[in-house]
C-alpha atoms as a PDB file:
ATOM      1  CA  MET A   1       9.251  -1.612  -0.538  1.00  0.00           C
ATOM      2  CA  LYS A   2       7.115  -4.629   0.312  1.00  0.00           C
ATOM      3  CA  TYR A   3       4.106  -3.996  -1.927  1.00  0.00           C
ATOM      4  CA  HIS A   4       3.318  -2.232  -5.189  1.00  0.00           C
ATOM      5  CA  LEU A   5       3.458   1.540  -5.484  1.00  0.00           C
ATOM      6  CA  LEU A   6       0.181   3.312  -4.891  1.00  0.00           C
ATOM      7  CA  ASP A   7      -1.411   5.192  -7.769  1.00  0.00           C
ATOM      8  CA  ARG A   8      -1.211   8.974  -7.704  1.00  0.00           C
ATOM      9  CA  ASN A   9      -4.996   9.261  -7.476  1.00  0.00           C
ATOM     10  CA  VAL A  10      -5.236   7.349  -4.162  1.00  0.00           C
ATOM     11  CA  CYS A  11      -6.650   9.743  -1.574  1.00  0.00           C
ATOM     12  CA  CYS A  12      -5.628  10.200   2.038  1.00  0.00           C
ATOM     13  CA  PRO A  13      -8.237   8.715   4.416  1.00  0.00           C
ATOM     14  CA  PHE A  14      -7.901  11.748   6.700  1.00  0.00           C
ATOM     15  CA  CYS A  15      -8.163  14.762   4.398  1.00  0.00           C
ATOM     16  CA  GLY A  16      -9.365  13.202   1.121  1.00  0.00           C
ATOM     17  CA  ARG A  17      -6.604  14.725  -1.025  1.00  0.00           C
ATOM     18  CA  ALA A  18      -4.394  12.739  -3.404  1.00  0.00           C
ATOM     19  CA  ASN A  19      -1.102  13.701  -1.724  1.00  0.00           C
ATOM     20  CA  LEU A  20       0.295  10.378  -0.450  1.00  0.00           C
ATOM     21  CA  ALA A  21       4.074  10.018  -0.699  1.00  0.00           C
ATOM     22  CA  TYR A  22       6.179   6.925   0.076  1.00  0.00           C
ATOM     23  CA  LYS A  23       8.236   7.308   3.286  1.00  0.00           C
ATOM     24  CA  ARG A  24       9.860   3.983   4.178  1.00  0.00           C
ATOM     25  CA  PRO A  25       9.245   0.260   4.584  1.00  0.00           C
ATOM     26  CA  GLY A  26       7.617  -0.471   7.926  1.00  0.00           C
ATOM     27  CA  GLN A  27       7.300  -3.535  10.118  1.00  0.00           C
ATOM     28  CA  HIS A  28       3.864  -4.506   8.800  1.00  0.00           C
ATOM     29  CA  GLY A  29       3.864  -2.784   5.398  1.00  0.00           C
ATOM     30  CA  ASP A  30       4.899   0.282   3.454  1.00  0.00           C
ATOM     31  CA  VAL A  31       4.558   3.609   5.259  1.00  0.00           C
ATOM     32  CA  TYR A  32       3.124   6.556   3.331  1.00  0.00           C
ATOM     33  CA  GLY A  33       2.679  10.120   4.486  1.00  0.00           C
ATOM     34  CA  CYS A  34       0.197  12.743   3.368  1.00  0.00           C
ATOM     35  CA  ASN A  35       1.864  15.966   2.243  1.00  0.00           C
ATOM     36  CA  ALA A  36      -1.291  17.997   2.939  1.00  0.00           C
ATOM     37  CA  CYS A  37      -2.278  16.959   6.487  1.00  0.00           C
ATOM     38  CA  LEU A  38       1.004  15.275   7.557  1.00  0.00           C
ATOM     39  CA  LYS A  39      -0.787  12.092   8.705  1.00  0.00           C
ATOM     40  CA  THR A  40       0.592   8.561   8.288  1.00  0.00           C
ATOM     41  CA  VAL A  41      -0.974   5.707   6.293  1.00  0.00           C
ATOM     42  CA  VAL A  42       0.253   2.089   6.077  1.00  0.00           C
ATOM     43  CA  HIS A  43      -0.104   0.009   2.909  1.00  0.00           C
ATOM     44  CA  ARG A  44      -0.413  -3.617   4.069  1.00  0.00           C
ATOM     45  CA  ARG A  45      -2.258  -6.918   3.838  1.00  0.00           C
ATOM     46  CA  GLN A  46      -4.683  -8.247   6.395  1.00  0.00           C
ATOM     47  CA  LYS A  47      -3.764 -11.541   7.999  1.00  0.00           C
ATOM     48  CA  GLY A  48      -5.011 -14.432   5.877  1.00  0.00           C
ATOM     49  CA  LYS A  49      -6.160 -12.279   2.940  1.00  0.00           C
ATOM     50  CA  PRO A  50      -4.399 -11.942  -0.422  1.00  0.00           C
ATOM     51  CA  ALA A  51      -5.604  -8.366  -1.067  1.00  0.00           C
ATOM     52  CA  CYS A  52      -3.634  -5.350   0.097  1.00  0.00           C
ATOM     53  CA  GLY A  53      -5.086  -2.104   1.356  1.00  0.00           C
ATOM     54  CA  LEU A  54      -4.602   1.139   3.257  1.00  0.00           C
ATOM     55  CA  VAL A  55      -4.778   1.566   7.023  1.00  0.00           C
ATOM     56  CA  PRO A  56      -4.663   5.005   8.655  1.00  0.00           C
ATOM     57  CA  VAL A  57      -2.406   5.304  11.699  1.00  0.00           C
ATOM     58  CA  LEU A  58      -4.406   6.941  14.481  1.00  0.00           C
ATOM     59  CA  ASN A  59      -3.167   8.589  17.675  1.00  0.00           C
ATOM     60  CA  PHE A  60      -0.600   6.677  19.733  1.00  0.00           C
ATOM     61  CA  GLY A  61       0.154   4.268  16.852  1.00  0.00           C
ATOM     62  CA  GLN A  62      -3.193   2.482  16.759  1.00  0.00           C
ATOM     63  CA  LEU A  63      -4.365   1.284  13.349  1.00  0.00           C
ATOM     64  CA  GLY A  64      -7.685   2.399  11.898  1.00  0.00           C
ATOM     65  CA  TYR A  65     -10.132   0.654   9.576  1.00  0.00           C
ATOM     66  CA  TRP A  66      -8.547  -1.324   6.695  1.00  0.00           C
ATOM     67  CA  LYS A  67      -9.719  -0.355   3.196  1.00  0.00           C
ATOM     68  CA  PRO A  68      -8.728  -2.507   0.167  1.00  0.00           C
ATOM     69  CA  CYS A  69      -6.760  -1.004  -2.710  1.00  0.00           C
ATOM     70  CA  ALA A  70      -8.571  -0.121  -5.901  1.00  0.00           C
ATOM     71  CA  THR A  71      -5.929  -1.962  -7.921  1.00  0.00           C
ATOM     72  CA  ARG A  72      -5.619  -5.657  -7.245  1.00  0.00           C
ATOM     73  CA  TYR A  73      -2.070  -6.978  -7.305  1.00  0.00           C
ATOM     74  CA  TRP A  74      -2.694 -10.390  -5.839  1.00  0.00           C
ATOM     75  CA  LEU A  75      -0.092 -12.265  -7.859  1.00  0.00           C
ATOM     76  CA  PRO A  76       3.400 -12.727  -6.449  1.00  0.00           C
ATOM     77  CA  TRP A  77       5.901 -10.590  -8.300  1.00  0.00           C
ATOM     78  CA  PRO A  78       7.201 -11.502 -10.820  1.00  0.00           C
ATOM     79  CA  PRO A  79       4.213 -13.581 -11.937  1.00  0.00           C
ATOM     80  CA  SER A  80       4.939 -17.193 -12.738  1.00  0.00           C
ATOM     81  CA  ILE A  81       3.019 -16.838 -16.016  1.00  0.00           C
ATOM     82  CA  ILE A  82       6.031 -15.212 -17.678  1.00  0.00           C
ATOM     83  CA  GLN A  83       8.331 -17.806 -19.169  1.00  0.00           C
ATOM     84  CA  PRO A  84      12.055 -17.202 -19.791  1.00  0.00           C
ATOM     85  CA  ILE A  85      13.061 -16.467 -23.383  1.00  0.00           C
ATOM     86  CA  ALA A  86      14.462 -19.525 -25.123  1.00  0.00           C
ATOM     87  CA  ASN A  87      18.013 -19.361 -26.423  1.00  0.00           C
ATOM     88  CA  PHE A  88      18.159 -19.179 -30.222  1.00  0.00           C
END
């Protein structure tokens, strides 16, 4: 998995139902599939942008319109804000 897990309330861009399930890591992002309409959606980042989003996979493997995620996980994981616990 390259990016964060999608929330359960994220809807499929094709049918509008919240039935996206993780399939596998892909070449350009994480591949999700809709259990209702059996379409494929890719969770990825656009080139040069820190935000991730969803892209529907159209016929013959072409990518559709990119839509940003509702949750913003822009920090690298794990965040560098967390400091290691000092030895006592």
